[in-house]
PDB file of N, CA and C in Angstrom:
ATOM      1  N   UNK A   1      23.616   2.156 -15.377  1.00  0.00           N
ATOM      2  CA  UNK A   1      23.439   1.714 -14.004  1.00  0.00           C
ATOM      3  C   UNK A   1      24.354   0.511 -13.765  1.00  0.00           C
ATOM      4  N   UNK A   2      25.081   0.549 -12.680  1.00  0.00           N
ATOM      5  CA  UNK A   2      26.008  -0.538 -12.373  1.00  0.00           C
ATOM      6  C   UNK A   2      25.243  -1.768 -11.895  1.00  0.00           C
ATOM      7  N   UNK A   3      25.936  -2.879 -11.863  1.00  0.00           N
ATOM      8  CA  UNK A   3      25.323  -4.131 -11.412  1.00  0.00           C
ATOM      9  C   UNK A   3      24.861  -4.009  -9.959  1.00  0.00           C
ATOM     10  N   UNK A   4      25.662  -3.361  -9.134  1.00  0.00           N
ATOM     11  CA  UNK A   4      25.302  -3.166  -7.726  1.00  0.00           C
ATOM     12  C   UNK A   4      24.067  -2.290  -7.604  1.00  0.00           C
ATOM     13  N   UNK A   5      23.992  -1.217  -8.393  1.00  0.00           N
ATOM     14  CA  UNK A   5      22.828  -0.336  -8.363  1.00  0.00           C
ATOM     15  C   UNK A   5      21.573  -1.070  -8.811  1.00  0.00           C
ATOM     16  N   UNK A   6      21.702  -1.927  -9.812  1.00  0.00           N
ATOM     17  CA  UNK A   6      20.562  -2.719 -10.278  1.00  0.00           C
ATOM     18  C   UNK A   6      20.098  -3.678  -9.187  1.00  0.00           C
ATOM     19  N   UNK A   7      21.050  -4.297  -8.519  1.00  0.00           N
ATOM     20  CA  UNK A   7      20.720  -5.232  -7.442  1.00  0.00           C
ATOM     21  C   UNK A   7      20.006  -4.499  -6.297  1.00  0.00           C
ATOM     22  N   UNK A   8      20.502  -3.342  -5.927  1.00  0.00           N
ATOM     23  CA  UNK A   8      19.878  -2.549  -4.870  1.00  0.00           C
ATOM     24  C   UNK A   8      18.477  -2.136  -5.290  1.00  0.00           C
ATOM     25  N   UNK A   9      18.304  -1.742  -6.542  1.00  0.00           N
ATOM     26  CA  UNK A   9      16.990  -1.357  -7.043  1.00  0.00           C
ATOM     27  C   UNK A   9      16.001  -2.517  -6.936  1.00  0.00           C
ATOM     28  N   UNK A  10      16.425  -3.714  -7.295  1.00  0.00           N
ATOM     29  CA  UNK A  10      15.551  -4.894  -7.194  1.00  0.00           C
ATOM     30  C   UNK A  10      15.193  -5.187  -5.739  1.00  0.00           C
ATOM     31  N   UNK A  11      16.163  -5.079  -4.848  1.00  0.00           N
ATOM     32  CA  UNK A  11      15.905  -5.318  -3.427  1.00  0.00           C
ATOM     33  C   UNK A  11      14.968  -4.256  -2.853  1.00  0.00           C
ATOM     34  N   UNK A  12      15.144  -3.023  -3.277  1.00  0.00           N
ATOM     35  CA  UNK A  12      14.252  -1.946  -2.848  1.00  0.00           C
ATOM     36  C   UNK A  12      12.822  -2.233  -3.291  1.00  0.00           C
ATOM     37  N   UNK A  13      12.658  -2.728  -4.508  1.00  0.00           N
ATOM     38  CA  UNK A  13      11.325  -3.070  -5.009  1.00  0.00           C
ATOM     39  C   UNK A  13      10.700  -4.181  -4.182  1.00  0.00           C
ATOM     40  N   UNK A  14      11.492  -5.163  -3.773  1.00  0.00           N
ATOM     41  CA  UNK A  14      10.977  -6.240  -2.931  1.00  0.00           C
ATOM     42  C   UNK A  14      10.481  -5.706  -1.594  1.00  0.00           C
ATOM     43  N   UNK A  15      11.229  -4.791  -0.993  1.00  0.00           N
ATOM     44  CA  UNK A  15      10.803  -4.187   0.271  1.00  0.00           C
ATOM     45  C   UNK A  15       9.485  -3.435   0.097  1.00  0.00           C
ATOM     46  N   UNK A  16       9.384  -2.673  -0.969  1.00  0.00           N
ATOM     47  CA  UNK A  16       8.176  -1.887  -1.223  1.00  0.00           C
ATOM     48  C   UNK A  16       6.958  -2.769  -1.463  1.00  0.00           C
ATOM     49  N   UNK A  17       7.150  -3.875  -2.169  1.00  0.00           N
ATOM     50  CA  UNK A  17       6.041  -4.774  -2.469  1.00  0.00           C
ATOM     51  C   UNK A  17       5.327  -5.212  -1.200  1.00  0.00           C
ATOM     52  N   UNK A  18       6.085  -5.388  -0.156  1.00  0.00           N
ATOM     53  CA  UNK A  18       5.511  -5.859   1.100  1.00  0.00           C
ATOM     54  C   UNK A  18       4.694  -4.830   1.853  1.00  0.00           C
ATOM     55  N   UNK A  19       4.836  -3.557   1.523  1.00  0.00           N
ATOM     56  CA  UNK A  19       4.113  -2.530   2.274  1.00  0.00           C
ATOM     57  C   UNK A  19       2.969  -1.883   1.502  1.00  0.00           C
ATOM     58  N   UNK A  20       2.843  -2.180   0.248  1.00  0.00           N
ATOM     59  CA  UNK A  20       1.841  -1.498  -0.579  1.00  0.00           C
ATOM     60  C   UNK A  20       0.416  -1.789  -0.100  1.00  0.00           C
ATOM     61  N   UNK A  21       0.118  -3.025   0.262  1.00  0.00           N
ATOM     62  CA  UNK A  21      -1.230  -3.357   0.742  1.00  0.00           C
ATOM     63  C   UNK A  21      -1.544  -2.532   1.988  1.00  0.00           C
ATOM     64  N   UNK A  22      -0.625  -2.500   2.922  1.00  0.00           N
ATOM     65  CA  UNK A  22      -0.815  -1.734   4.154  1.00  0.00           C
ATOM     66  C   UNK A  22      -1.031  -0.257   3.837  1.00  0.00           C
ATOM     67  N   UNK A  23      -0.227   0.292   2.953  1.00  0.00           N
ATOM     68  CA  UNK A  23      -0.344   1.713   2.587  1.00  0.00           C
ATOM     69  C   UNK A  23      -1.690   2.008   1.932  1.00  0.00           C
ATOM     70  N   UNK A  24      -2.120   1.143   1.030  1.00  0.00           N
ATOM     71  CA  UNK A  24      -3.395   1.359   0.328  1.00  0.00           C
ATOM     72  C   UNK A  24      -4.558   1.289   1.306  1.00  0.00           C
ATOM     73  N   UNK A  25      -4.596   0.258   2.130  1.00  0.00           N
ATOM     74  CA  UNK A  25      -5.690   0.141   3.103  1.00  0.00           C
ATOM     75  C   UNK A  25      -5.732   1.350   4.041  1.00  0.00           C
ATOM     76  N   UNK A  26      -4.567   1.843   4.425  1.00  0.00           N
ATOM     77  CA  UNK A  26      -4.495   2.970   5.351  1.00  0.00           C
ATOM     78  C   UNK A  26      -5.025   4.265   4.750  1.00  0.00           C
ATOM     79  N   UNK A  27      -5.084   4.361   3.421  1.00  0.00           N
ATOM     80  CA  UNK A  27      -5.513   5.592   2.757  1.00  0.00           C
ATOM     81  C   UNK A  27      -6.975   5.571   2.324  1.00  0.00           C
ATOM     82  N   UNK A  28      -7.680   4.477   2.579  1.00  0.00           N
ATOM     83  CA  UNK A  28      -9.026   4.363   2.011  1.00  0.00           C
ATOM     84  C   UNK A  28     -10.152   4.475   3.032  1.00  0.00           C
ATOM     85  N   UNK A  29      -9.920   5.172   4.137  1.00  0.00           N
ATOM     86  CA  UNK A  29     -11.027   5.515   5.029  1.00  0.00           C
ATOM     87  C   UNK A  29     -11.968   6.468   4.311  1.00  0.00           C
ATOM     88  N   UNK A  30     -11.401   7.287   3.444  1.00  0.00           N
ATOM     89  CA  UNK A  30     -12.168   8.168   2.574  1.00  0.00           C
ATOM     90  C   UNK A  30     -12.197   7.520   1.193  1.00  0.00           C
ATOM     91  N   UNK A  31     -13.362   7.480   0.568  1.00  0.00           N
ATOM     92  CA  UNK A  31     -13.470   6.881  -0.758  1.00  0.00           C
ATOM     93  C   UNK A  31     -12.596   7.650  -1.748  1.00  0.00           C
ATOM     94  N   UNK A  32     -11.845   6.899  -2.535  1.00  0.00           N
ATOM     95  CA  UNK A  32     -10.959   7.500  -3.543  1.00  0.00           C
ATOM     96  C   UNK A  32     -11.010   6.660  -4.816  1.00  0.00           C
ATOM     97  N   UNK A  33     -10.836   7.331  -5.937  1.00  0.00           N
ATOM     98  CA  UNK A  33     -10.670   6.595  -7.186  1.00  0.00           C
ATOM     99  C   UNK A  33      -9.177   6.382  -7.400  1.00  0.00           C
ATOM    100  N   UNK A  34      -8.830   5.509  -8.310  1.00  0.00           N
ATOM    101  CA  UNK A  34      -7.449   5.075  -8.475  1.00  0.00           C
ATOM    102  C   UNK A  34      -6.435   6.181  -8.604  1.00  0.00           C
ATOM    103  N   UNK A  35      -6.671   7.120  -9.526  1.00  0.00           N
ATOM    104  CA  UNK A  35      -5.674   8.161  -9.755  1.00  0.00           C
ATOM    105  C   UNK A  35      -5.506   9.046  -8.527  1.00  0.00           C
ATOM    106  N   UNK A  36      -6.613   9.353  -7.830  1.00  0.00           N
ATOM    107  CA  UNK A  36      -6.497  10.181  -6.625  1.00  0.00           C
ATOM    108  C   UNK A  36      -5.737   9.434  -5.529  1.00  0.00           C
ATOM    109  N   UNK A  37      -5.872   8.124  -5.499  1.00  0.00           N
ATOM    110  CA  UNK A  37      -5.110   7.321  -4.538  1.00  0.00           C
ATOM    111  C   UNK A  37      -3.623   7.334  -4.878  1.00  0.00           C
ATOM    112  N   UNK A  38      -3.303   7.246  -6.150  1.00  0.00           N
ATOM    113  CA  UNK A  38      -1.898   7.333  -6.587  1.00  0.00           C
ATOM    114  C   UNK A  38      -1.313   8.675  -6.144  1.00  0.00           C
ATOM    115  N   UNK A  39      -2.069   9.747  -6.344  1.00  0.00           N
ATOM    116  CA  UNK A  39      -1.599  11.075  -5.930  1.00  0.00           C
ATOM    117  C   UNK A  39      -1.425  11.154  -4.419  1.00  0.00           C
ATOM    118  N   UNK A  40      -2.380  10.623  -3.687  1.00  0.00           N
ATOM    119  CA  UNK A  40      -2.327  10.656  -2.215  1.00  0.00           C
ATOM    120  C   UNK A  40      -1.108   9.890  -1.707  1.00  0.00           C
ATOM    121  N   UNK A  41      -0.871   8.723  -2.254  1.00  0.00           N
ATOM    122  CA  UNK A  41       0.294   7.940  -1.839  1.00  0.00           C
ATOM    123  C   UNK A  41       1.590   8.679  -2.167  1.00  0.00           C
ATOM    124  N   UNK A  42       1.640   9.300  -3.334  1.00  0.00           N
ATOM    125  CA  UNK A  42       2.832  10.063  -3.730  1.00  0.00           C
ATOM    126  C   UNK A  42       3.061  11.234  -2.774  1.00  0.00           C
ATOM    127  N   UNK A  43       1.987  11.919  -2.372  1.00  0.00           N
ATOM    128  CA  UNK A  43       2.103  13.014  -1.409  1.00  0.00           C
ATOM    129  C   UNK A  43       2.693  12.525  -0.087  1.00  0.00           C
ATOM    130  N   UNK A  44       2.394  11.276   0.241  1.00  0.00           N
ATOM    131  CA  UNK A  44       2.890  10.682   1.486  1.00  0.00           C
ATOM    132  C   UNK A  44       4.309  10.125   1.327  1.00  0.00           C
ATOM    133  N   UNK A  45       4.819  10.127   0.087  1.00  0.00           N
ATOM    134  CA  UNK A  45       6.183   9.668  -0.164  1.00  0.00           C
ATOM    135  C   UNK A  45       6.294   8.279  -0.760  1.00  0.00           C
ATOM    136  N   UNK A  46       5.161   7.689  -1.169  1.00  0.00           N
ATOM    137  CA  UNK A  46       5.179   6.343  -1.745  1.00  0.00           C
ATOM    138  C   UNK A  46       4.681   6.401  -3.185  1.00  0.00           C
ATOM    139  N   UNK A  47       5.616   6.324  -4.119  1.00  0.00           N
ATOM    140  CA  UNK A  47       5.264   6.330  -5.539  1.00  0.00           C
ATOM    141  C   UNK A  47       4.780   4.935  -5.921  1.00  0.00           C
ATOM    142  N   UNK A  48       3.673   4.879  -6.655  1.00  0.00           N
ATOM    143  CA  UNK A  48       3.126   3.602  -7.117  1.00  0.00           C
ATOM    144  C   UNK A  48       2.578   3.814  -8.520  1.00  0.00           C
ATOM    145  N   UNK A  49       2.792   2.846  -9.380  1.00  0.00           N
ATOM    146  CA  UNK A  49       2.338   2.954 -10.763  1.00  0.00           C
ATOM    147  C   UNK A  49       0.929   2.381 -10.910  1.00  0.00           C
ATOM    148  N   UNK A  50       0.222   2.886 -11.919  1.00  0.00           N
ATOM    149  CA  UNK A  50      -1.132   2.410 -12.189  1.00  0.00           C
ATOM    150  C   UNK A  50      -1.164   0.903 -12.397  1.00  0.00           C
ATOM    151  N   UNK A  51      -0.170   0.380 -13.099  1.00  0.00           N
ATOM    152  CA  UNK A  51      -0.112  -1.051 -13.386  1.00  0.00           C
ATOM    153  C   UNK A  51       0.065  -1.907 -12.148  1.00  0.00           C
ATOM    154  N   UNK A  52       0.476  -1.303 -11.070  1.00  0.00           N
ATOM    155  CA  UNK A  52       0.582  -1.997  -9.787  1.00  0.00           C
ATOM    156  C   UNK A  52      -0.688  -1.794  -8.973  1.00  0.00           C
ATOM    157  N   UNK A  53      -1.205  -0.569  -8.970  1.00  0.00           N
ATOM    158  CA  UNK A  53      -2.332  -0.239  -8.110  1.00  0.00           C
ATOM    159  C   UNK A  53      -3.644  -0.896  -8.531  1.00  0.00           C
ATOM    160  N   UNK A  54      -4.013  -0.797  -9.787  1.00  0.00           N
ATOM    161  CA  UNK A  54      -5.340  -1.260 -10.193  1.00  0.00           C
ATOM    162  C   UNK A  54      -5.540  -2.768  -9.993  1.00  0.00           C
ATOM    163  N   UNK A  55      -4.570  -3.604 -10.339  1.00  0.00           N
ATOM    164  CA  UNK A  55      -4.759  -5.036 -10.028  1.00  0.00           C
ATOM    165  C   UNK A  55      -4.862  -5.289  -8.514  1.00  0.00           C
ATOM    166  N   UNK A  56      -4.110  -4.516  -7.725  1.00  0.00           N
ATOM    167  CA  UNK A  56      -4.176  -4.653  -6.275  1.00  0.00           C
ATOM    168  C   UNK A  56      -5.559  -4.267  -5.758  1.00  0.00           C
ATOM    169  N   UNK A  57      -6.113  -3.169  -6.253  1.00  0.00           N
ATOM    170  CA  UNK A  57      -7.450  -2.761  -5.834  1.00  0.00           C
ATOM    171  C   UNK A  57      -8.488  -3.819  -6.169  1.00  0.00           C
ATOM    172  N   UNK A  58      -8.401  -4.386  -7.355  1.00  0.00           N
ATOM    173  CA  UNK A  58      -9.351  -5.443  -7.748  1.00  0.00           C
ATOM    174  C   UNK A  58      -9.211  -6.655  -6.838  1.00  0.00           C
ATOM    175  N   UNK A  59      -7.973  -7.033  -6.540  1.00  0.00           N
ATOM    176  CA  UNK A  59      -7.739  -8.200  -5.676  1.00  0.00           C
ATOM    177  C   UNK A  59      -8.263  -7.947  -4.259  1.00  0.00           C
ATOM    178  N   UNK A  60      -7.997  -6.770  -3.705  1.00  0.00           N
ATOM    179  CA  UNK A  60      -8.474  -6.455  -2.364  1.00  0.00           C
ATOM    180  C   UNK A  60     -10.002  -6.406  -2.307  1.00  0.00           C
ATOM    181  N   UNK A  61     -10.615  -5.947  -3.383  1.00  0.00           N
ATOM    182  CA  UNK A  61     -12.073  -5.948  -3.443  1.00  0.00           C
ATOM    183  C   UNK A  61     -12.606  -7.379  -3.496  1.00  0.00           C
ATOM    184  N   UNK A  62     -11.997  -8.223  -4.304  1.00  0.00           N
ATOM    185  CA  UNK A  62     -12.411  -9.628  -4.380  1.00  0.00           C
ATOM    186  C   UNK A  62     -12.254 -10.340  -3.043  1.00  0.00           C
ATOM    187  N   UNK A  63     -11.267  -9.926  -2.267  1.00  0.00           N
ATOM    188  CA  UNK A  63     -11.032 -10.517  -0.951  1.00  0.00           C
ATOM    189  C   UNK A  63     -11.966  -9.951   0.119  1.00  0.00           C
ATOM    190  N   UNK A  64     -12.772  -8.970  -0.261  1.00  0.00           N
ATOM    191  CA  UNK A  64     -13.721  -8.374   0.674  1.00  0.00           C
ATOM    192  C   UNK A  64     -13.128  -7.304   1.568  1.00  0.00           C
ATOM    193  N   UNK A  65     -11.929  -6.841   1.253  1.00  0.00           N
ATOM    194  CA  UNK A  65     -11.275  -5.832   2.086  1.00  0.00           C
ATOM    195  C   UNK A  65     -11.624  -4.410   1.665  1.00  0.00           C
ATOM    196  N   UNK A  66     -12.154  -4.275   0.452  1.00  0.00           N
ATOM    197  CA  UNK A  66     -12.588  -2.977  -0.070  1.00  0.00           C
ATOM    198  C   UNK A  66     -13.994  -3.101  -0.637  1.00  0.00           C
ATOM    199  N   UNK A  67     -14.692  -1.977  -0.641  1.00  0.00           N
ATOM    200  CA  UNK A  67     -15.965  -1.823  -1.351  1.00  0.00           C
ATOM    201  C   UNK A  67     -15.716  -0.815  -2.465  1.00  0.00           C
ATOM    202  N   UNK A  68     -16.509  -0.893  -3.510  1.00  0.00           N
ATOM    203  CA  UNK A  68     -16.384   0.109  -4.565  1.00  0.00           C
ATOM    204  C   UNK A  68     -17.754   0.530  -5.063  1.00  0.00           C
ATOM    205  N   UNK A  69     -17.788   1.742  -5.580  1.00  0.00           N
ATOM    206  CA  UNK A  69     -19.001   2.303  -6.179  1.00  0.00           C
ATOM    207  C   UNK A  69     -18.595   3.113  -7.393  1.00  0.00           C
ATOM    208  N   UNK A  70     -19.395   3.018  -8.444  1.00  0.00           N
ATOM    209  CA  UNK A  70     -19.169   3.836  -9.632  1.00  0.00           C
ATOM    210  C   UNK A  70     -19.881   5.163  -9.462  1.00  0.00           C
ATOM    211  N   UNK A  71     -19.216   6.244  -9.824  1.00  0.00           N
ATOM    212  CA  UNK A  71     -19.840   7.564  -9.871  1.00  0.00           C
ATOM    213  C   UNK A  71     -19.713   8.080 -11.287  1.00  0.00           C
ATOM    214  N   UNK A  72     -20.825   8.541 -11.827  1.00  0.00           N
ATOM    215  CA  UNK A  72     -20.848   8.968 -13.228  1.00  0.00           C
ATOM    216  C   UNK A  72     -21.167  10.453 -13.374  1.00  0.00           C
ATOM    217  N   UNK A  73     -20.957  11.234 -12.327  1.00  0.00           N
ATOM    218  CA  UNK A  73     -21.243  12.670 -12.380  1.00  0.00           C
ATOM    219  C   UNK A  73     -20.250  13.416 -13.247  1.00  0.00           C
ATOM    220  N   UNK A  74     -18.995  13.033 -13.215  1.00  0.00           N
ATOM    221  CA  UNK A  74     -17.963  13.688 -14.019  1.00  0.00           C
ATOM    222  C   UNK A  74     -18.118  13.278 -15.476  1.00  0.00           C
ATOM    223  N   UNK A  75     -17.337  13.895 -16.360  1.00  0.00           N
ATOM    224  CA  UNK A  75     -17.421  13.535 -17.780  1.00  0.00           C
ATOM    225  C   UNK A  75     -17.192  12.043 -18.024  1.00  0.00           C
ATOM    226  N   UNK A  76     -16.361  11.423 -17.198  1.00  0.00           N
ATOM    227  CA  UNK A  76     -16.190   9.978 -17.360  1.00  0.00           C
ATOM    228  C   UNK A  76     -16.404   9.293 -16.017  1.00  0.00           C
ATOM    229  N   UNK A  77     -16.978   8.105 -16.042  1.00  0.00           N
ATOM    230  CA  UNK A  77     -17.258   7.390 -14.794  1.00  0.00           C
ATOM    231  C   UNK A  77     -15.971   7.048 -14.040  1.00  0.00           C
ATOM    232  N   UNK A  78     -16.066   7.068 -12.720  1.00  0.00           N
ATOM    233  CA  UNK A  78     -14.931   6.707 -11.875  1.00  0.00           C
ATOM    234  C   UNK A  78     -15.393   5.698 -10.838  1.00  0.00           C
ATOM    235  N   UNK A  79     -14.528   4.738 -10.598  1.00  0.00           N
ATOM    236  CA  UNK A  79     -14.800   3.741  -9.579  1.00  0.00           C
ATOM    237  C   UNK A  79     -14.096   4.178  -8.295  1.00  0.00           C
ATOM    238  N   UNK A  80     -14.880   4.405  -7.252  1.00  0.00           N
ATOM    239  CA  UNK A  80     -14.347   4.834  -5.962  1.00  0.00           C
ATOM    240  C   UNK A  80     -14.243   3.635  -5.032  1.00  0.00           C
ATOM    241  N   UNK A  81     -13.117   3.551  -4.352  1.00  0.00           N
ATOM    242  CA  UNK A  81     -12.861   2.460  -3.420  1.00  0.00           C
ATOM    243  C   UNK A  81     -12.818   3.005  -1.997  1.00  0.00           C
ATOM    244  N   UNK A  82     -13.288   2.181  -1.056  1.00  0.00           N
ATOM    245  CA  UNK A  82     -13.160   2.508   0.363  1.00  0.00           C
ATOM    246  C   UNK A  82     -12.990   1.204   1.134  1.00  0.00           C
ATOM    247  N   UNK A  83     -12.391   1.303   2.279  1.00  0.00           N
ATOM    248  CA  UNK A  83     -12.104   0.131   3.080  1.00  0.00           C
ATOM    249  C   UNK A  83     -13.404  -0.433   3.678  1.00  0.00           C
ATOM    250  N   UNK A  84     -13.504  -1.740   3.737  1.00  0.00           N
ATOM    251  CA  UNK A  84     -14.665  -2.412   4.334  1.00  0.00           C
ATOM    252  C   UNK A  84     -14.382  -2.684   5.815  1.00  0.00           C
ATOM    253  N   UNK A  85     -15.386  -3.182   6.524  1.00  0.00           N
ATOM    254  CA  UNK A  85     -15.170  -3.558   7.924  1.00  0.00           C
ATOM    255  C   UNK A  85     -14.117  -4.653   8.034  1.00  0.00           C
ATOM    256  N   UNK A  86     -14.184  -5.622   7.133  1.00  0.00           N
ATOM    257  CA  UNK A  86     -13.166  -6.690   7.130  1.00  0.00           C
ATOM    258  C   UNK A  86     -11.786  -6.091   6.846  1.00  0.00           C
ATOM    259  N   UNK A  87     -11.738  -5.120   5.947  1.00  0.00           N
ATOM    260  CA  UNK A  87     -10.480  -4.449   5.628  1.00  0.00           C
ATOM    261  C   UNK A  87      -9.916  -3.705   6.827  1.00  0.00           C
ATOM    262  N   UNK A  88     -10.813  -3.099   7.630  1.00  0.00           N
ATOM    263  CA  UNK A  88     -10.354  -2.404   8.839  1.00  0.00           C
ATOM    264  C   UNK A  88      -9.709  -3.384   9.815  1.00  0.00           C
ATOM    265  N   UNK A  89     -10.306  -4.567   9.928  1.00  0.00           N
ATOM    266  CA  UNK A  89      -9.726  -5.587  10.804  1.00  0.00           C
ATOM    267  C   UNK A  89      -8.358  -6.024  10.316  1.00  0.00           C
ATOM    268  N   UNK A  90      -8.240  -6.237   9.016  1.00  0.00           N
ATOM    269  CA  UNK A  90      -6.951  -6.621   8.432  1.00  0.00           C
ATOM    270  C   UNK A  90      -5.938  -5.492   8.596  1.00  0.00           C
ATOM    271  N   UNK A  91      -6.372  -4.255   8.369  1.00  0.00           N
ATOM    272  CA  UNK A  91      -5.488  -3.106   8.535  1.00  0.00           C
ATOM    273  C   UNK A  91      -4.964  -3.033   9.965  1.00  0.00           C
ATOM    274  N   UNK A  92      -5.829  -3.249  10.926  1.00  0.00           N
ATOM    275  CA  UNK A  92      -5.414  -3.213  12.323  1.00  0.00           C
ATOM    276  C   UNK A  92      -4.365  -4.290  12.621  1.00  0.00           C
ATOM    277  N   UNK A  93      -4.608  -5.496  12.133  1.00  0.00           N
ATOM    278  CA  UNK A  93      -3.663  -6.602  12.341  1.00  0.00           C
ATOM    279  C   UNK A  93      -2.338  -6.327  11.644  1.00  0.00           C
ATOM    280  N   UNK A  94      -2.403  -5.890  10.376  1.00  0.00           N
ATOM    281  CA  UNK A  94      -1.170  -5.606   9.633  1.00  0.00           C
ATOM    282  C   UNK A  94      -0.399  -4.434  10.235  1.00  0.00           C
ATOM    283  N   UNK A  95      -1.116  -3.451  10.769  1.00  0.00           N
ATOM    284  CA  UNK A  95      -0.457  -2.311  11.399  1.00  0.00           C
ATOM    285  C   UNK A  95       0.320  -2.763  12.632  1.00  0.00           C
ATOM    286  N   UNK A  96      -0.299  -3.601  13.453  1.00  0.00           N
ATOM    287  CA  UNK A  96       0.389  -4.121  14.640  1.00  0.00           C
ATOM    288  C   UNK A  96       1.613  -4.934  14.231  1.00  0.00           C
ATOM    289  N   UNK A  97       1.454  -5.743  13.189  1.00  0.00           N
ATOM    290  CA  UNK A  97       2.579  -6.543  12.687  1.00  0.00           C
ATOM    291  C   UNK A  97       3.694  -5.642  12.161  1.00  0.00           C
ATOM    292  N   UNK A  98       3.303  -4.578  11.459  1.00  0.00           N
ATOM    293  CA  UNK A  98       4.283  -3.633  10.922  1.00  0.00           C
ATOM    294  C   UNK A  98       5.116  -3.025  12.050  1.00  0.00           C
ATOM    295  N   UNK A  99       4.446  -2.517  13.085  1.00  0.00           N
ATOM    296  CA  UNK A  99       5.176  -1.876  14.176  1.00  0.00           C
ATOM    297  C   UNK A  99       6.059  -2.868  14.932  1.00  0.00           C
ATOM    298  N   UNK A 100       5.592  -4.102  15.086  1.00  0.00           N
ATOM    299  CA  UNK A 100       6.425  -5.117  15.733  1.00  0.00           C
ATOM    300  C   UNK A 100       7.666  -5.404  14.886  1.00  0.00           C
ATOM    301  N   UNK A 101       7.487  -5.499  13.577  1.00  0.00           N
ATOM    302  CA  UNK A 101       8.614  -5.761  12.670  1.00  0.00           C
ATOM    303  C   UNK A 101       9.590  -4.596  12.670  1.00  0.00           C
ATOM    304  N   UNK A 102       9.064  -3.368  12.636  1.00  0.00           N
ATOM    305  CA  UNK A 102       9.928  -2.187  12.668  1.00  0.00           C
ATOM    306  C   UNK A 102      10.748  -2.176  13.962  1.00  0.00           C
ATOM    307  N   UNK A 103      10.122  -2.525  15.059  1.00  0.00           N
ATOM    308  CA  UNK A 103      10.820  -2.553  16.344  1.00  0.00           C
ATOM    309  C   UNK A 103      11.969  -3.567  16.319  1.00  0.00           C
ATOM    310  N   UNK A 104      11.701  -4.742  15.791  1.00  0.00           N
ATOM    311  CA  UNK A 104      12.751  -5.764  15.679  1.00  0.00           C
ATOM    312  C   UNK A 104      13.882  -5.269  14.788  1.00  0.00           C
ATOM    313  N   UNK A 105      13.526  -4.695  13.643  1.00  0.00           N
ATOM    314  CA  UNK A 105      14.550  -4.233  12.710  1.00  0.00           C
ATOM    315  C   UNK A 105      15.349  -3.061  13.280  1.00  0.00           C
ATOM    316  N   UNK A 106      14.710  -2.193  14.041  1.00  0.00           N
ATOM    317  CA  UNK A 106      15.449  -1.093  14.673  1.00  0.00           C
ATOM    318  C   UNK A 106      16.485  -1.640  15.645  1.00  0.00           C
ATOM    319  N   UNK A 107      16.096  -2.657  16.413  1.00  0.00           N
ATOM    320  CA  UNK A 107      17.065  -3.271  17.327  1.00  0.00           C
ATOM    321  C   UNK A 107      18.193  -3.925  16.561  1.00  0.00           C
ATOM    322  N   UNK A 108      17.848  -4.643  15.486  1.00  0.00           N
ATOM    323  CA  UNK A 108      18.872  -5.352  14.708  1.00  0.00           C
ATOM    324  C   UNK A 108      19.806  -4.385  13.982  1.00  0.00           C
ATOM    325  N   UNK A 109      19.244  -3.366  13.381  1.00  0.00           N
ATOM    326  CA  UNK A 109      20.044  -2.435  12.591  1.00  0.00           C
ATOM    327  C   UNK A 109      20.676  -1.345  13.453  1.00  0.00           C
ATOM    328  N   UNK A 110      20.124  -1.131  14.631  1.00  0.00           N
ATOM    329  CA  UNK A 110      20.623  -0.083  15.504  1.00  0.00           C
ATOM    330  C   UNK A 110      21.791  -0.513  16.362  1.00  0.00           C
ATOM    331  N   UNK A 111      22.200  -1.769  16.263  1.00  0.00           N
ATOM    332  CA  UNK A 111      23.380  -2.210  16.983  1.00  0.00           C
ATOM    333  C   UNK A 111      23.133  -3.108  18.162  1.00  0.00           C
ATOM    334  N   UNK A 112      21.899  -3.140  18.689  1.00  0.00           N
ATOM    335  CA  UNK A 112      21.650  -3.953  19.864  1.00  0.00           C
ATOM    336  C   UNK A 112      21.861  -5.437  19.619  1.00  0.00           C
ATOM    337  N   UNK A 113      21.555  -5.899  18.402  1.00  0.00           N
ATOM    338  CA  UNK A 113      21.669  -7.327  18.094  1.00  0.00           C
ATOM    339  C   UNK A 113      22.971  -7.680  17.398  1.00  0.00           C
ATOM    340  N   UNK A 114      23.825  -6.679  17.140  1.00  0.00           N
ATOM    341  CA  UNK A 114      25.085  -6.943  16.465  1.00  0.00           C
ATOM    342  C   UNK A 114      26.063  -7.570  17.438  1.00  0.00           C
ATOM    343  N   UNK A 115      26.778  -8.571  16.967  1.00  0.00           N
ATOM    344  CA  UNK A 115      27.822  -9.212  17.806  1.00  0.00           C
ATOM    345  C   UNK A 115      29.175  -8.759  17.390  1.00  0.00           C
TER     346      UNK A 115
END
């Protein structure tokens, strides 16, 4: 991998880091366990590793944005996460911020703001 490709890869990771919380909150109206959430995000086009997702889920739960419940019906217990009321409020705010940012960036990158 060339130096430029490595630099682009790092910048791409920085961009993705900023949207993962929004993506996770948006997928948890239905209770999901970690691996099923990873699959769901991948189906939507956002690949995320377990080492990134699980600490994020724990942090969002500690912040009160998610609720979790253990289910032990399967051969091994699974912790299911779902968005809380506080999480819905945050999701709504972040969604509005996302669309406002996308609008600004479309103008900037689309030529309207270029001199």
